[in-house]
């Protein structure tokens, strides 16, 4: 599947339904004893699960299964299936543990969980290299996990500890890791899109202007449906197309901008449309627009593969609208009373993690034993992350004064750590500077 310039595409794989406008909610939140992980939405318990047993009994022979999968879902082999499942499961378990720790008073401020949207993060980011960039939102924990940031350092950041990826100064909404190409979580909607676009411009400049042919990094911007009504979004679409930047715009359309329904906030996307499809804004700016079922990691994986390859080839940006849903309120402080029970239950029935696991078992890509092994591995990792965060030291008070002001004179900082303008002989021009 290839995207053409200005193309509008709906991704609906053979024999499957189009993305639907239905929606989930978990059971009432309750605290468990310390050290125990609450597994609401826990996908597919292999042992004794009749769905898994039935799937295993009807599993296709390896050769036939491989041929069918290669045609429908290129690149999903047993190793990739294992990676996709584990990454989604890690995201869910990590977020559910965050809820426990938040209600125990281990975390402060607003904490926005990603439960339900894992197929989007996993389907896109697991294609990326470490040298690629992503920009996130305030719902950034799982994006960081998918990009390879260690769970223990993310948890420590949520605790405000010195061992966090931002030394405890970023917190839930401002995850950042230069090492992993995570350019930040951003609390205000839309403000991360120009940052990601700037990273894409850097990649383009290094390759085309400076002749670095080996530099083909791409940048992926994640944002929600509410942001698609923000001016920065449109400005960046225009610039991305103008310079054919290796930038991918991923709209995680969970249908609610905090408490505002997407259907109430945005007008229909065309004369013939009854609903506001965000992906159709892509062709207006000369780039492909693609609609994908954001509850199906296989479909997201397939769409993302082409968008990323297209960007690396120098063919420019792609706008992807992933229709998904969050299983909790906007944040852990949100009682989630605006969405109907029926809407939530319909989306909960389409939980992406058990759906993928059952399919993978049926197709012979994963076994019940492997799924259980992956689950146990993830649980251990999350428990260790909590232990690490609990035992990590708090930042010293002096850290509050760091990273507040840039060099006040603009002459730079000496390798010794002192401002150059403070060095002996600087004013007379006799200072030795490197």
Foldseek 3Di string as FASTA:
>chain_A
DAFDWLAEAEDDFPPGDGADQFAAAWDDDDADPPLDFDQILPADQLPPDVLLVVLLVQADDQVVLVVVCCVGFNPDFLVNLLQLLLLLNLLRRLQSVVLNCVVVVLADDWAFHDAWLSLQLQLFLLVADQPAAEEAALRCLSNCVNLPDALLQCLLLRSLDCSHQVRVPQHRQWDDDPRRRYHTYYHDFPPRLVVQLVVQVVLLCCCPVVPPVVRQHAYEYEGELVSLVPPSVVVSLQVQLVQQTRYEYEYAYQQQPQLDGSQVPDQPVDPPGRGNDSQSVNSVNTRYRYEYASLASSGSNRVSVNQNVCSSVSRTYHYYYHHIHHRDHRTSVDPPPRDDNRRNNVRSVSRSNNVSVSNCSSNVSDHSVSSNVSSVVSSVSSSVSVVSSVPGHRDDPVCVPPPPDDQPVPQDAAPVGHRPCPDPPVVVPPDDGD
